[in-house]
C-alpha cells in the first residue's frame, strides 16, 4: 500500500476552503438568528414619513445637515415638527412661545439652524410641490415649473409668466384664460396644479 501526501500548496488551499466555508456558514447562521430581532436592532422609518390621505407635507432643512420631507397628520406646530425631526436638539428652542402656536401647512419649508438657534419658514420650491402633488403657487412658478404640467409647453409656460408679470401678479387663476394658448378647458385643468398662496 502506497501512502499519499498532500502537496504543501494543496494543504493551504484545503485550509483556506475550510476557513471560507466556516465564515460563510457563520454569516448564514447569524443572519437566520438575528432576523427575528431585526426590528429591535434597526431603527424603523418614522410613521409620519409615510403619506396618508389628508397628511401635510413639510420639508425640513437642518443646519447640521439632514432633513427631508415629512408627512404629518393635521397641521403640526413648528415645535412639534422640530421635536419629531430633531428631538435631541429641540430643547435649544425652549422658551420660544411663538414656536408652539405657529402652525405649518402642506408645502412649507422649515429651515432650522442650531448654532445660533434660529428657525425660518418659507415655501418649498415649486417643482418639489409639483412632485408631491401639492398645487404650485401661481405667483411664484417659473416657466420651467409650468412646463412640468401636462399639456403646457415652453411657449405657453413663458406666456403665462409674462402675463403674470405684466399684471403685477394674479388675483385669480381664472385670469389665465387671457393667456394665448390657455382656453377654458386648459384653464380648468391648471387649477389642479396651481393655487394662489395668499
N, C-alpha and C. Protein backbone atom coordinates (compact mmCIF):
# COMPACT_ATOMS: atom_id res chain seq x y z
N UNK A 1 0.83 -1.16 0.00
CA UNK A 1 0.00 0.00 0.00
C UNK A 1 0.88 1.23 0.00
N UNK A 2 0.49 2.17 -0.83
CA UNK A 2 1.28 3.36 -1.03
C UNK A 2 0.68 4.53 -0.24
N UNK A 3 1.46 5.26 0.52
CA UNK A 3 0.99 6.41 1.30
C UNK A 3 0.92 7.64 0.39
N UNK A 4 -0.18 8.46 0.59
CA UNK A 4 -0.36 9.67 -0.22
C UNK A 4 -0.17 10.88 0.68
N UNK A 5 0.62 11.78 0.24
CA UNK A 5 0.87 13.03 0.98
C UNK A 5 0.33 14.20 0.18
N UNK A 6 -0.20 15.16 0.91
CA UNK A 6 -0.68 16.38 0.25
C UNK A 6 0.50 17.28 -0.04
N UNK A 7 0.46 17.84 -1.15
CA UNK A 7 1.44 18.85 -1.51
C UNK A 7 1.19 20.06 -0.60
N UNK A 8 2.24 20.80 -0.15
CA UNK A 8 2.05 21.95 0.74
C UNK A 8 1.05 22.98 0.20
N UNK A 9 1.03 23.22 -1.11
CA UNK A 9 0.09 24.17 -1.69
C UNK A 9 -1.33 23.65 -1.56
N UNK A 10 -1.53 22.37 -1.77
CA UNK A 10 -2.86 21.77 -1.66
C UNK A 10 -3.36 21.84 -0.22
N UNK A 11 -2.45 21.70 0.76
CA UNK A 11 -2.84 21.80 2.16
C UNK A 11 -3.36 23.22 2.46
N UNK A 12 -2.68 24.24 1.93
CA UNK A 12 -3.10 25.62 2.16
C UNK A 12 -4.44 25.89 1.48
N UNK A 13 -4.63 25.35 0.29
CA UNK A 13 -5.90 25.54 -0.41
C UNK A 13 -7.05 24.89 0.36
N UNK A 14 -6.80 23.69 0.89
CA UNK A 14 -7.81 23.00 1.67
C UNK A 14 -8.13 23.78 2.95
N UNK A 15 -7.09 24.27 3.61
CA UNK A 15 -7.29 25.05 4.84
C UNK A 15 -8.07 26.34 4.52
N UNK A 16 -7.74 27.02 3.44
CA UNK A 16 -8.44 28.23 3.04
C UNK A 16 -9.90 27.96 2.71
N UNK A 17 -10.14 26.85 2.03
CA UNK A 17 -11.52 26.49 1.68
C UNK A 17 -12.33 26.21 2.93
N UNK A 18 -11.72 25.52 3.90
CA UNK A 18 -12.42 25.22 5.15
C UNK A 18 -12.72 26.50 5.94
N UNK A 19 -11.78 27.41 5.97
CA UNK A 19 -11.99 28.69 6.67
C UNK A 19 -13.10 29.48 5.98
N UNK A 20 -13.08 29.53 4.65
CA UNK A 20 -14.12 30.24 3.91
C UNK A 20 -15.49 29.61 4.16
N UNK A 21 -15.55 28.28 4.18
CA UNK A 21 -16.81 27.58 4.46
C UNK A 21 -17.30 27.91 5.87
N UNK A 22 -16.38 27.96 6.83
CA UNK A 22 -16.73 28.29 8.20
C UNK A 22 -17.27 29.72 8.32
N UNK A 23 -16.63 30.68 7.65
CA UNK A 23 -17.06 32.08 7.69
C UNK A 23 -18.44 32.23 7.06
N UNK A 24 -18.65 31.63 5.88
CA UNK A 24 -19.95 31.72 5.21
C UNK A 24 -21.03 31.07 6.06
N UNK A 25 -20.75 29.91 6.64
CA UNK A 25 -21.73 29.22 7.49
C UNK A 25 -22.08 30.07 8.71
N UNK A 26 -21.10 30.71 9.30
CA UNK A 26 -21.34 31.57 10.46
C UNK A 26 -22.21 32.76 10.07
N UNK A 27 -21.94 33.37 8.92
CA UNK A 27 -22.72 34.51 8.47
C UNK A 27 -24.17 34.11 8.22
N UNK A 28 -24.39 32.96 7.59
CA UNK A 28 -25.75 32.49 7.34
C UNK A 28 -26.46 32.21 8.65
N UNK A 29 -25.77 31.56 9.58
CA UNK A 29 -26.38 31.24 10.88
C UNK A 29 -26.75 32.52 11.63
N UNK A 30 -25.87 33.53 11.61
CA UNK A 30 -26.16 34.79 12.28
C UNK A 30 -27.34 35.51 11.63
N UNK A 31 -27.38 35.48 10.31
CA UNK A 31 -28.49 36.15 9.62
C UNK A 31 -29.83 35.50 9.99
N UNK A 32 -29.85 34.19 10.07
CA UNK A 32 -31.08 33.48 10.44
C UNK A 32 -31.44 33.77 11.90
N UNK A 33 -30.44 33.79 12.77
CA UNK A 33 -30.69 34.01 14.19
C UNK A 33 -31.10 35.45 14.49
N UNK A 34 -30.54 36.43 13.76
CA UNK A 34 -30.77 37.84 14.05
C UNK A 34 -32.05 38.35 13.38
N UNK A 35 -32.50 37.70 12.31
CA UNK A 35 -33.66 38.19 11.57
C UNK A 35 -34.88 38.45 12.46
N UNK A 36 -35.25 37.55 13.38
CA UNK A 36 -36.41 37.84 14.22
C UNK A 36 -36.18 39.05 15.14
N UNK A 37 -34.94 39.39 15.42
CA UNK A 37 -34.63 40.51 16.30
C UNK A 37 -34.46 41.82 15.56
N UNK A 38 -34.47 41.79 14.21
CA UNK A 38 -34.14 42.98 13.44
C UNK A 38 -34.98 44.20 13.78
N UNK A 39 -36.29 44.10 14.12
CA UNK A 39 -37.00 45.32 14.50
C UNK A 39 -36.41 46.00 15.72
N UNK A 40 -35.74 45.23 16.58
CA UNK A 40 -35.15 45.81 17.78
C UNK A 40 -33.75 46.36 17.51
N UNK A 41 -33.09 45.85 16.49
CA UNK A 41 -31.72 46.26 16.19
C UNK A 41 -31.65 47.42 15.20
N UNK A 42 -32.59 47.50 14.28
CA UNK A 42 -32.54 48.53 13.26
C UNK A 42 -33.68 49.51 13.47
N UNK A 43 -33.41 50.81 13.35
CA UNK A 43 -34.49 51.78 13.51
C UNK A 43 -35.49 51.66 12.37
N UNK A 44 -36.76 51.70 12.71
CA UNK A 44 -37.79 51.65 11.70
C UNK A 44 -38.03 53.06 11.16
N UNK A 45 -38.47 53.17 9.92
CA UNK A 45 -38.76 54.51 9.42
C UNK A 45 -39.89 55.13 10.23
N UNK A 46 -39.81 56.42 10.48
CA UNK A 46 -40.84 57.05 11.30
C UNK A 46 -42.19 56.99 10.61
N UNK A 47 -43.25 56.75 11.37
CA UNK A 47 -44.56 56.59 10.76
C UNK A 47 -45.07 57.85 10.07
N UNK A 48 -44.61 59.03 10.47
CA UNK A 48 -45.10 60.26 9.86
C UNK A 48 -44.49 60.52 8.50
N UNK A 49 -43.48 59.76 8.10
CA UNK A 49 -42.90 59.99 6.79
C UNK A 49 -43.68 59.25 5.71
N UNK A 50 -44.63 58.41 6.09
CA UNK A 50 -45.46 57.74 5.11
C UNK A 50 -46.65 58.62 4.81
N UNK A 51 -46.92 58.79 3.54
CA UNK A 51 -48.02 59.66 3.13
C UNK A 51 -49.34 58.93 3.30
N UNK A 52 -50.27 59.59 3.94
CA UNK A 52 -51.62 59.07 4.08
C UNK A 52 -52.58 60.15 3.59
N UNK A 53 -53.79 59.76 3.21
CA UNK A 53 -54.73 60.79 2.74
C UNK A 53 -54.93 61.88 3.79
N UNK A 54 -54.83 63.10 3.36
CA UNK A 54 -55.02 64.23 4.25
C UNK A 54 -53.78 64.67 5.02
N UNK A 55 -52.66 63.94 4.87
CA UNK A 55 -51.45 64.33 5.61
C UNK A 55 -50.84 65.58 4.98
N UNK A 56 -50.09 66.31 5.80
CA UNK A 56 -49.45 67.55 5.37
C UNK A 56 -47.97 67.27 5.10
N UNK A 57 -47.49 67.68 3.92
CA UNK A 57 -46.09 67.50 3.54
C UNK A 57 -45.30 68.73 3.96
N UNK A 58 -44.34 68.53 4.85
CA UNK A 58 -43.49 69.62 5.35
C UNK A 58 -42.04 69.26 5.02
N UNK A 59 -41.33 70.16 4.36
CA UNK A 59 -39.91 69.94 4.09
C UNK A 59 -39.11 70.57 5.22
N UNK A 60 -38.14 69.83 5.75
CA UNK A 60 -37.31 70.32 6.84
C UNK A 60 -35.85 70.29 6.39
N UNK A 61 -35.18 71.41 6.55
CA UNK A 61 -33.74 71.50 6.29
C UNK A 61 -33.06 71.80 7.61
N UNK A 62 -32.13 70.94 7.99
CA UNK A 62 -31.41 71.12 9.24
C UNK A 62 -30.04 71.72 8.95
N UNK A 63 -29.67 72.74 9.69
CA UNK A 63 -28.39 73.40 9.50
C UNK A 63 -27.21 72.47 9.69
N UNK A 64 -27.41 71.40 10.47
CA UNK A 64 -26.34 70.44 10.71
C UNK A 64 -26.30 69.37 9.64
N UNK A 65 -27.11 69.54 8.61
CA UNK A 65 -27.21 68.53 7.56
C UNK A 65 -28.39 67.62 7.85
N UNK A 66 -28.91 67.05 6.84
CA UNK A 66 -30.05 66.17 7.02
C UNK A 66 -31.36 66.88 6.78
N UNK A 67 -32.41 66.20 7.14
CA UNK A 67 -33.73 66.72 6.90
C UNK A 67 -34.40 65.91 5.82
N UNK A 68 -35.44 66.44 5.24
CA UNK A 68 -36.17 65.76 4.20
C UNK A 68 -37.61 66.23 4.20
N UNK A 69 -38.47 65.45 3.56
CA UNK A 69 -39.89 65.77 3.52
C UNK A 69 -40.58 64.80 4.46
N UNK A 70 -41.37 65.36 5.36
CA UNK A 70 -42.08 64.58 6.37
C UNK A 70 -43.58 64.79 6.20
N UNK A 71 -44.34 63.73 6.41
CA UNK A 71 -45.80 63.81 6.30
C UNK A 71 -46.39 63.73 7.70
N UNK A 72 -47.18 64.75 8.05
CA UNK A 72 -47.78 64.84 9.37
C UNK A 72 -49.30 64.78 9.25
N UNK A 73 -49.92 64.15 10.22
CA UNK A 73 -51.37 64.19 10.31
C UNK A 73 -51.73 65.54 10.90
N UNK A 74 -52.65 66.24 10.27
CA UNK A 74 -53.02 67.56 10.76
C UNK A 74 -51.92 68.57 10.44
N UNK A 75 -52.03 69.73 11.03
CA UNK A 75 -51.04 70.80 10.83
C UNK A 75 -50.20 70.92 12.10
N UNK A 76 -48.96 70.41 12.08
CA UNK A 76 -48.15 70.47 13.29
C UNK A 76 -47.68 71.89 13.59
N UNK A 77 -47.42 72.15 14.86
CA UNK A 77 -46.77 73.41 15.21
C UNK A 77 -45.30 73.26 14.85
N UNK A 78 -44.60 74.36 14.80
CA UNK A 78 -43.18 74.33 14.47
C UNK A 78 -42.43 73.47 15.48
N UNK A 79 -42.73 73.63 16.75
CA UNK A 79 -42.01 72.87 17.78
C UNK A 79 -42.34 71.38 17.71
N UNK A 80 -43.58 71.03 17.35
CA UNK A 80 -43.93 69.61 17.19
C UNK A 80 -43.12 68.98 16.06
N UNK A 81 -43.01 69.70 14.95
CA UNK A 81 -42.23 69.18 13.82
C UNK A 81 -40.76 69.05 14.22
N UNK A 82 -40.25 70.05 14.92
CA UNK A 82 -38.85 70.03 15.34
C UNK A 82 -38.58 68.88 16.31
N UNK A 83 -39.49 68.66 17.25
CA UNK A 83 -39.32 67.56 18.20
C UNK A 83 -39.34 66.21 17.49
N UNK A 84 -40.07 66.12 16.40
CA UNK A 84 -40.13 64.86 15.66
C UNK A 84 -38.87 64.64 14.84
N UNK A 85 -38.42 65.70 14.14
CA UNK A 85 -37.30 65.57 13.21
C UNK A 85 -35.95 65.57 13.92
N UNK A 86 -35.80 66.40 14.94
CA UNK A 86 -34.51 66.51 15.66
C UNK A 86 -34.77 66.57 17.16
N UNK A 87 -35.25 65.47 17.76
CA UNK A 87 -35.63 65.51 19.18
C UNK A 87 -34.48 65.89 20.11
N UNK A 88 -33.26 65.52 19.74
CA UNK A 88 -32.11 65.82 20.62
C UNK A 88 -31.75 67.29 20.63
N UNK A 89 -32.23 68.06 19.64
CA UNK A 89 -31.88 69.48 19.55
C UNK A 89 -33.07 70.40 19.88
N UNK A 90 -34.27 69.84 20.01
CA UNK A 90 -35.47 70.66 20.20
C UNK A 90 -35.40 71.51 21.47
N UNK A 91 -34.70 71.04 22.50
CA UNK A 91 -34.63 71.80 23.75
C UNK A 91 -33.92 73.15 23.58
N UNK A 92 -33.14 73.30 22.50
CA UNK A 92 -32.48 74.59 22.23
C UNK A 92 -33.50 75.71 22.01
N UNK A 93 -34.74 75.31 21.68
CA UNK A 93 -35.76 76.30 21.36
C UNK A 93 -36.79 76.46 22.48
N UNK A 94 -36.52 75.87 23.65
CA UNK A 94 -37.43 76.06 24.79
C UNK A 94 -37.49 77.55 25.13
N UNK A 95 -38.65 78.00 25.50
CA UNK A 95 -38.81 79.41 25.83
C UNK A 95 -39.27 80.26 24.67
N UNK A 96 -39.43 79.68 23.50
CA UNK A 96 -39.92 80.41 22.33
C UNK A 96 -41.40 80.07 22.16
N UNK A 97 -42.26 80.81 22.85
CA UNK A 97 -43.70 80.53 22.85
C UNK A 97 -44.30 80.58 21.45
N UNK A 98 -43.74 81.43 20.58
CA UNK A 98 -44.29 81.55 19.23
C UNK A 98 -44.16 80.25 18.45
N UNK A 99 -43.18 79.41 18.78
CA UNK A 99 -42.99 78.14 18.08
C UNK A 99 -44.09 77.13 18.43
N UNK A 100 -44.73 77.34 19.58
CA UNK A 100 -45.79 76.43 19.98
C UNK A 100 -47.09 76.77 19.27
N UNK A 101 -47.27 78.03 18.90
CA UNK A 101 -48.54 78.43 18.28
C UNK A 101 -48.46 78.49 16.75
N UNK A 102 -47.28 78.69 16.18
CA UNK A 102 -47.15 78.77 14.72
C UNK A 102 -47.40 77.40 14.11
N UNK A 103 -48.38 77.31 13.23
CA UNK A 103 -48.75 76.05 12.59
C UNK A 103 -48.16 76.00 11.18
N UNK A 104 -47.75 74.81 10.77
CA UNK A 104 -47.19 74.59 9.44
C UNK A 104 -48.28 74.06 8.52
N UNK A 105 -48.16 74.40 7.25
CA UNK A 105 -49.10 73.93 6.23
C UNK A 105 -48.37 73.07 5.21
N UNK A 106 -49.13 72.30 4.47
CA UNK A 106 -48.55 71.49 3.42
C UNK A 106 -47.84 72.40 2.43
N UNK A 107 -46.61 72.05 2.09
CA UNK A 107 -45.81 72.85 1.17
C UNK A 107 -44.87 73.82 1.86
N UNK A 108 -44.89 73.85 3.20
CA UNK A 108 -43.98 74.73 3.93
C UNK A 108 -42.57 74.13 3.98
N UNK A 109 -41.60 75.02 4.03
CA UNK A 109 -40.19 74.65 4.21
C UNK A 109 -39.75 75.22 5.55
N UNK A 110 -39.36 74.34 6.45
CA UNK A 110 -38.89 74.73 7.77
C UNK A 110 -37.37 74.61 7.78
N UNK A 111 -36.68 75.76 7.82
CA UNK A 111 -35.20 75.78 7.85
C UNK A 111 -34.76 76.02 9.28
N UNK A 112 -33.97 75.09 9.81
CA UNK A 112 -33.57 75.13 11.21
C UNK A 112 -32.05 75.22 11.30
N UNK A 113 -31.57 76.19 12.08
CA UNK A 113 -30.15 76.31 12.38
C UNK A 113 -29.99 76.14 13.89
N UNK A 114 -28.96 75.47 14.32
CA UNK A 114 -28.77 75.19 15.74
C UNK A 114 -27.71 76.06 16.40
N UNK A 115 -26.85 76.70 15.62
CA UNK A 115 -25.78 77.49 16.21
C UNK A 115 -25.62 78.80 15.47
N UNK A 116 -26.25 79.87 15.88
CA UNK A 116 -27.18 80.01 17.00
C UNK A 116 -28.55 79.45 16.59
N UNK A 117 -29.39 79.12 17.58
CA UNK A 117 -30.71 78.56 17.27
C UNK A 117 -31.59 79.58 16.54
N UNK A 118 -32.04 79.20 15.35
CA UNK A 118 -32.96 80.05 14.60
C UNK A 118 -33.81 79.19 13.68
N UNK A 119 -34.98 79.70 13.37
CA UNK A 119 -35.93 78.99 12.52
C UNK A 119 -36.50 79.96 11.51
N UNK A 120 -36.63 79.50 10.26
CA UNK A 120 -37.25 80.30 9.21
C UNK A 120 -38.27 79.42 8.49
N UNK A 121 -39.44 79.99 8.22
CA UNK A 121 -40.47 79.26 7.49
C UNK A 121 -40.65 79.91 6.12
N UNK A 122 -40.48 79.12 5.08
CA UNK A 122 -40.64 79.57 3.70
C UNK A 122 -41.56 78.59 2.99
N UNK A 123 -41.57 78.68 1.69
CA UNK A 123 -42.32 77.74 0.86
C UNK A 123 -41.33 76.81 0.17
N UNK A 124 -41.72 75.55 0.01
CA UNK A 124 -40.89 74.61 -0.75
C UNK A 124 -40.70 75.16 -2.16
N UNK A 125 -39.66 74.69 -2.83
CA UNK A 125 -39.51 75.03 -4.24
C UNK A 125 -40.71 74.47 -4.97
N UNK A 126 -41.13 75.18 -6.02
CA UNK A 126 -42.37 74.82 -6.70
C UNK A 126 -42.32 73.44 -7.33
N UNK A 127 -41.18 73.05 -7.89
CA UNK A 127 -41.10 71.73 -8.53
C UNK A 127 -41.21 70.61 -7.50
N UNK A 128 -40.79 70.86 -6.26
CA UNK A 128 -40.95 69.85 -5.20
C UNK A 128 -42.43 69.72 -4.87
N UNK A 129 -43.12 70.85 -4.78
CA UNK A 129 -44.57 70.80 -4.56
C UNK A 129 -45.24 69.98 -5.65
N UNK A 130 -44.87 70.25 -6.89
CA UNK A 130 -45.47 69.52 -8.02
C UNK A 130 -45.23 68.02 -7.86
N UNK A 131 -44.00 67.64 -7.53
CA UNK A 131 -43.66 66.22 -7.38
C UNK A 131 -44.46 65.57 -6.26
N UNK A 132 -44.82 66.34 -5.24
CA UNK A 132 -45.59 65.81 -4.11
C UNK A 132 -47.10 65.92 -4.32
N UNK A 133 -47.50 66.50 -5.45
CA UNK A 133 -48.93 66.65 -5.71
C UNK A 133 -49.57 67.82 -4.98
N UNK A 134 -48.75 68.77 -4.54
CA UNK A 134 -49.25 69.98 -3.87
C UNK A 134 -49.33 71.07 -4.93
N UNK A 135 -50.45 71.79 -5.03
CA UNK A 135 -50.53 72.86 -6.03
C UNK A 135 -49.39 73.88 -5.86
N UNK A 136 -48.80 74.25 -7.01
CA UNK A 136 -47.72 75.24 -7.01
C UNK A 136 -48.33 76.64 -6.89
N UNK A 137 -47.58 77.56 -6.32
CA UNK A 137 -48.04 78.94 -6.18
C UNK A 137 -47.94 79.63 -7.54
N UNK A 138 -49.08 80.01 -8.10
CA UNK A 138 -49.13 80.60 -9.44
C UNK A 138 -48.34 81.90 -9.53
N UNK A 139 -48.15 82.60 -8.41
CA UNK A 139 -47.38 83.84 -8.43
C UNK A 139 -45.88 83.60 -8.25
N UNK A 140 -45.48 82.36 -8.02
CA UNK A 140 -44.06 82.07 -7.78
C UNK A 140 -43.46 81.14 -8.85
N UNK A 141 -44.29 80.43 -9.61
CA UNK A 141 -43.77 79.44 -10.55
C UNK A 141 -42.97 80.09 -11.66
N UNK A 142 -41.96 79.37 -12.09
CA UNK A 142 -41.17 79.79 -13.24
C UNK A 142 -41.73 79.09 -14.48
N UNK A 143 -41.26 79.52 -15.64
CA UNK A 143 -41.67 78.86 -16.88
C UNK A 143 -41.25 77.39 -16.85
N UNK A 144 -40.10 77.10 -16.27
CA UNK A 144 -39.64 75.70 -16.16
C UNK A 144 -40.59 74.89 -15.29
N UNK A 145 -41.05 75.48 -14.17
CA UNK A 145 -42.00 74.79 -13.30
C UNK A 145 -43.30 74.51 -14.06
N UNK A 146 -43.79 75.52 -14.77
CA UNK A 146 -45.05 75.36 -15.51
C UNK A 146 -44.94 74.30 -16.59
N UNK A 147 -43.76 74.16 -17.17
CA UNK A 147 -43.56 73.16 -18.22
C UNK A 147 -43.70 71.73 -17.70
N UNK A 148 -43.66 71.55 -16.40
CA UNK A 148 -43.86 70.22 -15.82
C UNK A 148 -45.31 69.76 -15.94
N UNK A 149 -46.22 70.71 -16.04
CA UNK A 149 -47.65 70.39 -16.08
C UNK A 149 -48.00 69.78 -17.44
N UNK A 150 -48.69 68.65 -17.44
CA UNK A 150 -49.07 68.03 -18.72
C UNK A 150 -49.88 69.00 -19.59
N UNK A 151 -49.50 69.10 -20.85
CA UNK A 151 -50.21 69.96 -21.79
C UNK A 151 -49.68 71.38 -21.85
N UNK A 152 -48.72 71.72 -21.00
CA UNK A 152 -48.13 73.07 -21.02
C UNK A 152 -46.71 72.96 -21.57
N UNK A 153 -46.52 73.51 -22.75
CA UNK A 153 -45.20 73.51 -23.36
C UNK A 153 -44.43 74.75 -22.97
N UNK A 154 -43.20 74.87 -23.42
CA UNK A 154 -42.37 76.02 -23.07
C UNK A 154 -42.97 77.36 -23.51
N UNK A 155 -43.59 77.41 -24.69
CA UNK A 155 -44.15 78.69 -25.18
C UNK A 155 -45.32 79.13 -24.31
N UNK A 156 -46.22 78.22 -23.98
CA UNK A 156 -47.36 78.58 -23.14
C UNK A 156 -46.89 78.94 -21.73
N UNK A 157 -45.91 78.20 -21.22
CA UNK A 157 -45.38 78.49 -19.88
C UNK A 157 -44.80 79.90 -19.84
N UNK A 158 -44.04 80.25 -20.85
CA UNK A 158 -43.43 81.58 -20.91
C UNK A 158 -44.52 82.65 -21.04
N UNK A 159 -45.57 82.37 -21.82
CA UNK A 159 -46.67 83.33 -21.98
C UNK A 159 -47.39 83.56 -20.65
N UNK A 160 -47.55 82.51 -19.85
CA UNK A 160 -48.20 82.64 -18.54
C UNK A 160 -47.36 83.53 -17.62
N UNK A 161 -46.06 83.29 -17.60
CA UNK A 161 -45.16 84.08 -16.73
C UNK A 161 -45.17 85.55 -17.18
N UNK A 162 -45.10 85.80 -18.49
CA UNK A 162 -45.12 87.18 -19.00
C UNK A 162 -46.43 87.87 -18.65
N UNK A 163 -47.55 87.17 -18.79
CA UNK A 163 -48.86 87.74 -18.44
C UNK A 163 -48.89 88.11 -16.96
N UNK A 164 -48.44 87.19 -16.13
CA UNK A 164 -48.43 87.43 -14.67
C UNK A 164 -47.59 88.65 -14.33
N UNK A 165 -46.43 88.79 -14.95
CA UNK A 165 -45.55 89.93 -14.68
C UNK A 165 -46.16 91.24 -15.16
N UNK A 166 -46.82 91.21 -16.33
CA UNK A 166 -47.47 92.43 -16.83
C UNK A 166 -48.61 92.88 -15.90
N UNK A 167 -49.30 91.91 -15.31
CA UNK A 167 -50.44 92.21 -14.44
C UNK A 167 -50.00 92.54 -13.02
N UNK A 168 -48.73 92.33 -12.70
CA UNK A 168 -48.26 92.56 -11.33
C UNK A 168 -48.73 91.47 -10.39
N UNK A 169 -48.92 90.28 -10.92
CA UNK A 169 -49.40 89.14 -10.13
C UNK A 169 -50.81 88.77 -10.54
N UNK A 170 -51.26 87.64 -10.10
CA UNK A 170 -52.60 87.16 -10.44
C UNK A 170 -53.53 87.40 -9.26
N UNK A 171 -54.73 87.83 -9.55
CA UNK A 171 -55.75 87.97 -8.50
C UNK A 171 -56.60 86.70 -8.42
N UNK A 172 -56.68 85.99 -9.56
CA UNK A 172 -57.48 84.77 -9.64
C UNK A 172 -56.89 83.88 -10.72
N UNK A 173 -56.99 82.57 -10.56
CA UNK A 173 -56.49 81.65 -11.58
C UNK A 173 -57.32 81.75 -12.85
N UNK A 174 -58.54 82.22 -12.73
CA UNK A 174 -59.42 82.38 -13.91
C UNK A 174 -58.84 83.39 -14.90
N UNK A 175 -57.97 84.28 -14.44
CA UNK A 175 -57.32 85.25 -15.33
C UNK A 175 -56.48 84.56 -16.40
N UNK A 176 -56.04 83.35 -16.14
CA UNK A 176 -55.16 82.65 -17.09
C UNK A 176 -55.84 82.40 -18.43
N UNK A 177 -57.15 82.52 -18.47
CA UNK A 177 -57.87 82.35 -19.74
C UNK A 177 -57.47 83.43 -20.75
N UNK A 178 -56.93 84.54 -20.25
CA UNK A 178 -56.49 85.65 -21.11
C UNK A 178 -55.13 85.39 -21.76
N UNK A 179 -54.47 84.30 -21.38
CA UNK A 179 -53.15 83.98 -21.91
C UNK A 179 -53.33 83.19 -23.21
N UNK A 180 -52.66 83.62 -24.29
CA UNK A 180 -52.74 82.86 -25.55
C UNK A 180 -52.28 81.40 -25.32
N UNK A 181 -53.07 80.46 -25.80
CA UNK A 181 -52.75 79.04 -25.62
C UNK A 181 -53.45 78.42 -24.43
N UNK A 182 -54.14 79.24 -23.63
CA UNK A 182 -54.89 78.72 -22.48
C UNK A 182 -56.37 79.01 -22.72
N UNK A 183 -57.13 77.98 -23.01
CA UNK A 183 -58.57 78.14 -23.20
C UNK A 183 -59.31 77.78 -21.93
N UNK A 184 -60.66 77.70 -22.05
CA UNK A 184 -61.50 77.35 -20.89
C UNK A 184 -61.09 76.01 -20.29
N UNK A 185 -60.94 75.02 -21.17
CA UNK A 185 -60.63 73.66 -20.70
C UNK A 185 -59.28 73.61 -19.98
N UNK A 186 -58.27 74.16 -20.64
CA UNK A 186 -56.93 74.14 -20.03
C UNK A 186 -56.89 74.95 -18.75
N UNK A 187 -57.59 76.07 -18.71
CA UNK A 187 -57.64 76.90 -17.50
C UNK A 187 -58.20 76.08 -16.34
N UNK A 188 -59.26 75.31 -16.61
CA UNK A 188 -59.83 74.45 -15.58
C UNK A 188 -58.86 73.37 -15.12
N UNK A 189 -58.11 72.80 -16.07
CA UNK A 189 -57.13 71.76 -15.74
C UNK A 189 -55.98 72.32 -14.90
N UNK A 190 -55.60 73.58 -15.16
CA UNK A 190 -54.50 74.19 -14.43
C UNK A 190 -54.81 74.34 -12.95
N UNK A 191 -56.08 74.43 -12.60
CA UNK A 191 -56.46 74.59 -11.20
C UNK A 191 -56.10 73.38 -10.35
N UNK A 192 -55.85 72.23 -11.00
CA UNK A 192 -55.37 71.05 -10.27
C UNK A 192 -53.91 71.22 -9.84
N UNK A 193 -53.16 72.02 -10.60
CA UNK A 193 -51.72 72.13 -10.39
C UNK A 193 -51.27 73.46 -9.79
N UNK A 194 -52.15 74.46 -9.84
CA UNK A 194 -51.77 75.80 -9.39
C UNK A 194 -52.73 76.31 -8.32
N UNK A 195 -52.24 77.16 -7.46
CA UNK A 195 -53.06 77.83 -6.44
C UNK A 195 -52.45 79.20 -6.21
N UNK A 196 -53.19 80.07 -5.57
CA UNK A 196 -52.66 81.37 -5.17
C UNK A 196 -52.48 81.32 -3.66
N UNK A 197 -51.24 81.34 -3.19
CA UNK A 197 -50.93 81.29 -1.76
C UNK A 197 -50.94 82.71 -1.20
N UNK A 198 -52.07 83.09 -0.66
CA UNK A 198 -52.16 84.44 -0.06
C UNK A 198 -52.73 84.37 1.31
